[in-house]
N, C-alpha and C. Protein backbone atom coordinates (compact mmCIF):
# COMPACT_ATOMS: atom_id res chain seq x y z
N MET A 1 72.00 141.71 101.38
CA MET A 1 73.59 141.79 102.04
C MET A 1 73.65 140.50 102.83
N VAL A 2 72.76 139.80 103.47
CA VAL A 2 72.95 138.83 104.12
C VAL A 2 73.46 137.32 103.13
N LYS A 3 72.57 137.24 101.86
CA LYS A 3 72.98 136.58 100.93
C LYS A 3 74.16 136.59 100.25
N VAL A 4 74.79 137.71 100.51
CA VAL A 4 76.10 138.00 99.83
C VAL A 4 77.20 137.59 100.97
N GLY A 5 77.05 137.73 102.31
CA GLY A 5 77.80 137.24 103.27
C GLY A 5 77.91 135.75 103.31
N VAL A 6 76.75 135.03 103.00
CA VAL A 6 76.44 133.48 103.14
C VAL A 6 77.48 132.93 102.06
N ILE A 7 77.19 133.60 100.74
CA ILE A 7 77.43 133.35 99.54
C ILE A 7 79.40 133.36 99.85
N LEU A 8 79.78 134.62 100.46
CA LEU A 8 81.11 134.42 100.55
C LEU A 8 81.89 133.31 101.46
N ALA A 9 80.88 133.27 102.56
CA ALA A 9 81.28 132.23 103.61
C ALA A 9 81.34 131.01 103.04
N ILE A 10 80.49 130.59 101.95
CA ILE A 10 80.56 129.08 101.62
C ILE A 10 81.58 129.09 100.39
N LEU A 11 81.79 130.04 99.79
CA LEU A 11 83.33 130.29 99.09
C LEU A 11 84.53 130.28 99.69
N ALA A 12 84.65 130.75 100.98
CA ALA A 12 85.80 130.52 101.59
C ALA A 12 85.84 129.23 102.46
N VAL A 13 84.85 128.74 102.62
CA VAL A 13 85.13 126.87 103.09
C VAL A 13 85.51 126.47 102.01
N LEU A 14 84.84 126.40 101.08
CA LEU A 14 85.13 125.79 99.79
C LEU A 14 86.72 125.47 99.24
N TRP A 15 86.95 127.15 99.49
CA TRP A 15 88.43 127.51 99.34
C TRP A 15 89.60 126.81 100.16
N VAL A 16 88.98 126.89 101.60
CA VAL A 16 89.97 126.37 102.50
C VAL A 16 90.03 124.87 102.85
N LEU A 17 89.05 124.25 102.61
CA LEU A 17 88.70 122.86 102.74
C LEU A 17 89.50 122.05 102.05
N PRO A 18 90.05 121.79 100.75
CA PRO A 18 90.76 120.88 100.14
C PRO A 18 92.20 121.22 100.81
N ASP A 19 92.72 122.35 101.44
CA ASP A 19 94.20 122.12 101.66
C ASP A 19 93.87 122.49 103.47
N TRP A 20 92.83 122.33 103.83
CA TRP A 20 92.85 122.31 105.28
C TRP A 20 94.00 121.98 106.31
N GLY A 21 94.73 120.76 105.81
CA GLY A 21 95.81 120.35 106.61
C GLY A 21 96.99 121.27 106.69
N ALA A 22 97.38 121.84 105.65
CA ALA A 22 98.36 123.04 105.11
C ALA A 22 98.01 124.16 105.78
N TYR A 23 96.60 124.56 105.83
CA TYR A 23 96.36 125.66 106.67
C TYR A 23 96.36 125.46 108.37
N ARG A 24 96.26 124.45 108.60
CA ARG A 24 96.12 124.05 110.01
C ARG A 24 97.72 123.76 110.31
N ALA A 25 98.60 123.16 109.41
CA ALA A 25 99.84 123.33 109.95
C ALA A 25 100.72 124.45 109.92
N ARG A 26 100.32 125.48 109.23
CA ARG A 26 100.82 126.70 109.02
C ARG A 26 100.54 127.55 110.47
N ALA A 27 98.94 127.47 110.76
CA ALA A 27 98.90 128.17 111.91
C ALA A 27 99.30 127.73 113.23
N ARG A 28 99.81 126.29 113.17
CA ARG A 28 100.17 126.02 114.48
C ARG A 28 101.72 126.19 114.40
N ARG A 29 102.51 126.23 113.14
CA ARG A 29 103.83 126.90 113.23
C ARG A 29 103.87 128.07 113.68
N VAL A 30 102.79 129.09 113.10
CA VAL A 30 102.74 130.68 113.41
C VAL A 30 102.34 130.57 115.02
N GLY A 31 101.39 130.00 115.53
CA GLY A 31 101.26 129.82 117.23
C GLY A 31 102.85 129.32 117.70
N ARG A 32 103.29 128.47 117.15
CA ARG A 32 104.55 128.03 118.11
C ARG A 32 105.84 129.10 118.18
N SER A 33 105.81 129.77 116.61
CA SER A 33 106.69 131.01 116.78
C SER A 33 106.15 132.04 117.51
N LEU A 34 104.92 132.36 117.76
CA LEU A 34 104.74 133.45 118.83
C LEU A 34 104.46 133.05 120.05
N ARG A 35 104.71 131.84 120.71
CA ARG A 35 104.52 130.80 121.84
C ARG A 35 103.03 130.61 122.34
N LEU A 36 101.94 130.99 121.21
CA LEU A 36 100.65 130.77 121.73
C LEU A 36 100.18 129.43 121.85
N VAL A 37 101.40 128.33 121.28
CA VAL A 37 100.81 127.21 121.24
C VAL A 37 101.94 126.54 121.87
N GLU A 38 101.85 124.91 122.53
CA GLU A 38 102.78 124.28 123.04
C GLU A 38 103.61 124.05 121.75
N PRO A 39 104.90 123.66 122.28
CA PRO A 39 106.02 123.13 121.30
C PRO A 39 105.63 122.06 121.00
N GLU A 40 106.27 121.34 119.74
CA GLU A 40 105.79 120.17 119.39
C GLU A 40 106.66 118.80 120.32
N PRO A 41 106.33 117.83 120.73
CA PRO A 41 107.09 116.96 121.65
C PRO A 41 108.37 116.60 120.63
N PRO A 42 109.38 116.12 121.24
CA PRO A 42 110.50 115.64 120.44
C PRO A 42 109.99 114.15 119.76
N ARG A 43 110.55 114.01 118.71
CA ARG A 43 110.27 112.78 117.73
C ARG A 43 111.39 111.93 118.41
N PRO A 44 111.09 110.68 118.58
CA PRO A 44 112.20 109.74 118.90
C PRO A 44 112.96 109.60 117.50
N THR A 45 114.40 109.15 117.64
CA THR A 45 115.29 109.14 117.01
C THR A 45 115.70 107.55 116.30
N GLY A 46 115.58 106.88 117.38
CA GLY A 46 115.92 105.75 117.08
C GLY A 46 114.69 104.54 116.69
N PRO A 47 115.29 103.38 116.53
CA PRO A 47 114.10 102.45 116.18
C PRO A 47 112.89 102.13 117.66
N PRO A 48 112.11 101.46 116.89
CA PRO A 48 110.83 101.75 117.84
C PRO A 48 111.19 100.74 118.90
N ILE A 49 110.64 100.71 120.13
CA ILE A 49 111.25 100.32 121.13
C ILE A 49 110.56 98.62 120.90
N GLU A 50 109.75 98.50 120.41
CA GLU A 50 108.96 97.38 120.05
C GLU A 50 110.11 96.46 119.49
N ARG A 51 110.61 96.67 118.65
CA ARG A 51 111.77 96.28 117.73
C ARG A 51 113.08 96.13 118.59
N LEU A 52 113.31 96.79 119.36
CA LEU A 52 114.45 96.54 120.32
C LEU A 52 114.11 95.36 121.21
N ALA A 53 112.95 95.45 121.67
CA ALA A 53 112.80 94.27 122.79
C ALA A 53 112.72 93.14 121.86
N ALA A 54 111.99 92.70 120.50
CA ALA A 54 111.99 91.68 119.99
C ALA A 54 113.55 90.97 119.32
N ASP A 55 114.19 92.21 118.99
CA ASP A 55 115.89 92.04 118.70
C ASP A 55 116.57 91.52 119.89
N ALA A 56 116.24 92.22 121.11
CA ALA A 56 117.02 91.40 122.47
C ALA A 56 116.77 90.16 122.96
N ARG A 57 115.37 89.88 122.30
CA ARG A 57 114.64 88.26 122.95
C ARG A 57 115.20 87.45 121.69
N ARG A 58 115.50 87.98 120.69
CA ARG A 58 115.64 86.88 119.64
C ARG A 58 117.50 86.68 119.70
N ILE A 59 118.38 87.68 120.31
CA ILE A 59 119.37 87.44 120.25
C ILE A 59 119.89 86.91 121.61
N ARG A 60 119.07 87.10 122.64
CA ARG A 60 119.58 86.41 124.02
C ARG A 60 119.02 84.91 123.95
N ALA A 61 118.03 84.53 123.15
CA ALA A 61 117.74 82.87 122.96
C ALA A 61 118.81 82.32 121.99
N GLU A 62 119.38 82.97 121.31
CA GLU A 62 120.28 82.85 120.25
C GLU A 62 121.55 82.13 121.23
N ILE A 63 122.03 83.30 122.22
CA ILE A 63 123.05 82.80 123.00
C ILE A 63 122.88 82.10 124.05
N ARG A 64 121.57 81.68 124.53
CA ARG A 64 121.06 80.74 125.62
C ARG A 64 121.31 79.12 125.10
N ARG A 65 120.83 79.22 123.44
CA ARG A 65 121.03 77.67 123.04
C ARG A 65 122.08 77.46 122.03
N ALA A 66 123.48 78.30 122.51
CA ALA A 66 124.31 78.08 121.46
C ALA A 66 124.96 76.84 122.08
N PRO A 67 125.24 76.00 120.84
CA PRO A 67 126.02 74.82 121.47
C PRO A 67 127.35 75.07 122.05
N SER A 68 127.42 73.69 122.60
CA SER A 68 129.10 74.19 123.77
C SER A 68 130.18 74.28 122.67
N GLY A 69 130.31 73.80 121.42
CA GLY A 69 131.65 73.76 120.96
C GLY A 69 131.41 74.92 119.97
N MET A 70 130.78 76.20 120.12
CA MET A 70 130.39 77.05 119.26
C MET A 70 131.65 77.96 119.79
N PRO A 71 132.17 78.30 118.21
CA PRO A 71 133.55 79.07 118.04
C PRO A 71 133.37 80.45 119.13
N VAL A 72 134.51 80.92 119.76
CA VAL A 72 134.31 81.85 120.55
C VAL A 72 134.37 83.09 119.90
N ALA A 73 134.94 83.44 118.59
CA ALA A 73 134.59 84.72 118.00
C ALA A 73 133.18 84.96 117.50
N LYS A 74 132.16 83.68 117.48
CA LYS A 74 130.82 84.07 117.26
C LYS A 74 130.23 84.32 118.50
N MET A 75 130.71 83.77 119.38
CA MET A 75 129.80 84.03 120.69
C MET A 75 130.06 85.45 121.10
N ARG A 76 131.25 85.95 120.83
CA ARG A 76 131.50 87.17 121.29
C ARG A 76 130.83 88.18 120.24
N GLY A 77 130.40 87.94 118.96
CA GLY A 77 129.93 88.66 118.14
C GLY A 77 128.08 88.77 118.73
N TRP A 78 127.81 87.56 119.16
CA TRP A 78 126.51 87.63 119.50
C TRP A 78 126.29 88.42 120.80
N LEU A 79 127.31 88.28 121.40
CA LEU A 79 127.14 89.07 122.95
C LEU A 79 127.43 90.67 122.38
N GLU A 80 128.24 91.07 121.44
CA GLU A 80 128.28 92.48 121.34
C GLU A 80 126.97 92.85 120.80
N ALA A 81 126.46 92.15 119.94
CA ALA A 81 125.32 92.50 119.01
C ALA A 81 123.92 92.80 120.58
N TYR A 82 124.05 91.49 121.31
CA TYR A 82 123.09 91.84 122.22
C TYR A 82 123.33 93.33 123.48
N ASP A 83 124.63 93.63 123.58
CA ASP A 83 124.85 94.62 124.25
C ASP A 83 124.58 95.58 123.29
N ASP A 84 124.77 95.63 122.00
CA ASP A 84 124.76 97.10 121.31
C ASP A 84 122.94 97.52 121.31
N VAL A 85 122.16 96.25 121.42
CA VAL A 85 120.92 96.53 121.27
C VAL A 85 120.31 97.14 123.06
N LEU A 86 120.94 96.28 123.99
CA LEU A 86 120.58 96.83 125.39
C LEU A 86 121.01 98.19 125.50
N VAL A 87 122.17 98.38 125.14
CA VAL A 87 122.56 100.01 124.96
C VAL A 87 121.49 101.25 124.03
N THR A 88 121.12 100.72 122.88
CA THR A 88 120.16 101.64 122.48
C THR A 88 118.95 101.18 123.25
N ALA A 89 118.33 100.61 123.98
CA ALA A 89 117.40 100.47 124.48
C ALA A 89 117.48 101.43 125.67
N CYS A 90 118.44 101.47 126.13
CA CYS A 90 118.58 102.40 127.31
C CYS A 90 118.69 103.92 126.92
N ARG A 91 119.32 104.09 126.06
CA ARG A 91 119.22 105.43 125.30
C ARG A 91 117.97 105.75 125.33
N THR A 92 117.04 104.74 124.49
CA THR A 92 115.56 105.16 123.91
C THR A 92 114.75 105.56 125.70
N LEU A 93 115.02 104.40 126.33
CA LEU A 93 114.34 104.68 127.70
C LEU A 93 114.84 106.01 128.62
N GLU A 94 116.11 106.47 128.09
CA GLU A 94 117.04 107.57 128.85
C GLU A 94 117.22 106.81 130.46
N LEU A 95 117.85 105.51 130.35
CA LEU A 95 118.12 104.82 131.16
C LEU A 95 119.90 104.84 131.50
N GLU A 96 120.16 104.88 132.85
CA GLU A 96 121.94 104.96 132.91
C GLU A 96 122.44 103.28 132.43
N GLN A 97 123.37 103.02 131.70
CA GLN A 97 124.31 101.80 131.75
C GLN A 97 125.47 102.49 131.32
N ARG A 98 126.52 101.31 132.05
CA ARG A 98 128.33 101.37 131.69
C ARG A 98 128.55 100.20 130.59
N LEU A 99 127.64 99.51 129.79
CA LEU A 99 128.08 98.45 128.76
C LEU A 99 129.13 99.06 128.00
N GLY A 100 129.21 100.34 127.64
CA GLY A 100 129.82 100.78 126.29
C GLY A 100 131.55 101.12 126.99
N VAL A 101 131.53 101.00 128.29
CA VAL A 101 132.68 101.79 128.87
C VAL A 101 133.60 100.21 129.48
N LEU A 102 132.69 99.56 130.18
CA LEU A 102 133.28 98.46 130.35
C LEU A 102 133.83 97.44 129.63
N PRO A 103 135.50 96.97 130.05
CA PRO A 103 135.81 96.04 129.31
C PRO A 103 135.25 94.62 129.37
N ALA A 104 135.53 93.67 128.66
CA ALA A 104 134.96 92.39 128.52
C ALA A 104 135.38 91.55 130.21
N GLY A 105 134.43 91.11 130.86
CA GLY A 105 134.81 90.39 131.85
C GLY A 105 134.04 90.22 133.07
N PRO A 106 134.45 89.81 133.99
CA PRO A 106 132.92 89.70 134.95
C PRO A 106 132.05 90.94 135.65
N GLU A 107 132.78 92.04 135.28
CA GLU A 107 132.04 93.51 135.61
C GLU A 107 131.12 93.80 134.39
N HIS A 108 131.79 93.41 133.53
CA HIS A 108 130.68 93.65 132.10
C HIS A 108 129.70 92.75 131.94
N ASP A 109 129.79 91.39 132.22
CA ASP A 109 128.72 90.94 132.76
C ASP A 109 127.61 90.89 133.81
N LEU A 110 128.13 91.30 134.50
CA LEU A 110 127.42 91.82 135.98
C LEU A 110 126.27 92.91 135.13
N GLU A 111 127.38 94.16 135.01
CA GLU A 111 126.44 95.27 134.23
C GLU A 111 125.56 94.84 133.17
N ARG A 112 125.77 93.49 132.26
CA ARG A 112 124.47 93.33 131.13
C ARG A 112 123.31 92.67 132.13
N GLU A 113 123.83 91.63 133.31
CA GLU A 113 122.68 91.35 133.99
C GLU A 113 121.85 92.55 134.79
N ARG A 114 122.34 93.59 135.00
CA ARG A 114 121.61 94.63 135.81
C ARG A 114 120.74 95.87 134.70
N VAL A 115 121.68 95.82 133.68
CA VAL A 115 120.69 96.40 132.60
C VAL A 115 119.48 95.44 132.19
N GLU A 116 119.88 94.44 132.03
CA GLU A 116 118.42 93.70 131.80
C GLU A 116 117.35 93.57 132.72
N ARG A 117 117.79 93.28 134.22
CA ARG A 117 116.73 93.62 134.87
C ARG A 117 116.17 95.30 135.28
N MET A 118 116.95 96.07 134.76
CA MET A 118 116.76 97.56 134.76
C MET A 118 115.63 97.83 133.38
N LEU A 119 115.75 96.83 132.39
CA LEU A 119 115.00 97.36 131.52
C LEU A 119 113.78 96.48 131.53
N GLU A 120 113.89 95.35 132.17
CA GLU A 120 112.62 94.61 132.26
C GLU A 120 111.32 95.23 133.58
N LYS A 121 112.12 95.75 134.19
CA LYS A 121 111.73 96.53 135.47
C LYS A 121 110.82 97.93 134.87
N ASN A 122 111.29 98.47 133.80
CA ASN A 122 110.80 99.73 133.05
C ASN A 122 109.93 99.39 131.86
N GLY A 123 109.87 98.08 131.83
CA GLY A 123 108.27 97.72 130.88
C GLY A 123 109.10 97.18 129.50
N LEU A 124 110.38 96.76 129.42
CA LEU A 124 110.87 96.09 128.08
C LEU A 124 111.26 94.48 128.57
N PRO A 125 110.17 93.50 128.42
CA PRO A 125 110.24 92.06 128.53
C PRO A 125 111.42 91.59 127.45
N LEU A 126 112.50 90.96 128.35
CA LEU A 126 113.22 90.55 127.51
C LEU A 126 113.45 88.70 127.45
N ARG A 127 112.53 88.36 128.47
CA ARG A 127 112.56 86.75 128.55
C ARG A 127 111.26 86.24 127.69
N LEU A 128 111.46 85.46 127.24
CA LEU A 128 110.42 84.74 126.56
C LEU A 128 109.52 84.22 127.39
N THR A 129 108.25 84.38 127.15
CA THR A 129 107.34 83.86 128.14
C THR A 129 106.17 83.01 127.19
N ALA A 130 105.95 81.49 127.94
CA ALA A 130 105.26 80.63 127.09
C ALA A 130 104.12 80.69 127.28
C-alpha cells in the first residue's frame, strides 16, 4: 500500500512539474479572488523612470548649449519636449506640478525650475555630473 502511495506521489509531481508556473498562477488568482492572498501591486504604465531621467538630461543639455541664433520655434519645441518629460516624470513619481496649466512666461519658467528641484529632491538626477 505504501508503494502505491509513493508511486502516485511521484506521478503527481511529474504531472504538475512541467506546468508549475501555470498551476502557481492559477492558485494565486484563486487566492486573490477569495482574498486569501494580497492583491497584486499595480504595474507602472508609463516609460521607465531611468529613461525619463536620461531623456530629461539629454533635452536639458540641448537647451543649455543652444546657439544664440537658434530659431525661436525650435527652442520652443525643445522646451515643450522638456516640459512633457518633466510632467511624465512627476506623474510617475506622483508629484504635483502645474506645467500643463500655466501659460508660457515667467510663471511657467519658475514652475519648471521648481519641478526640476522637486524631481532632483525625489531622486531623479537631471543635471549631468562630471
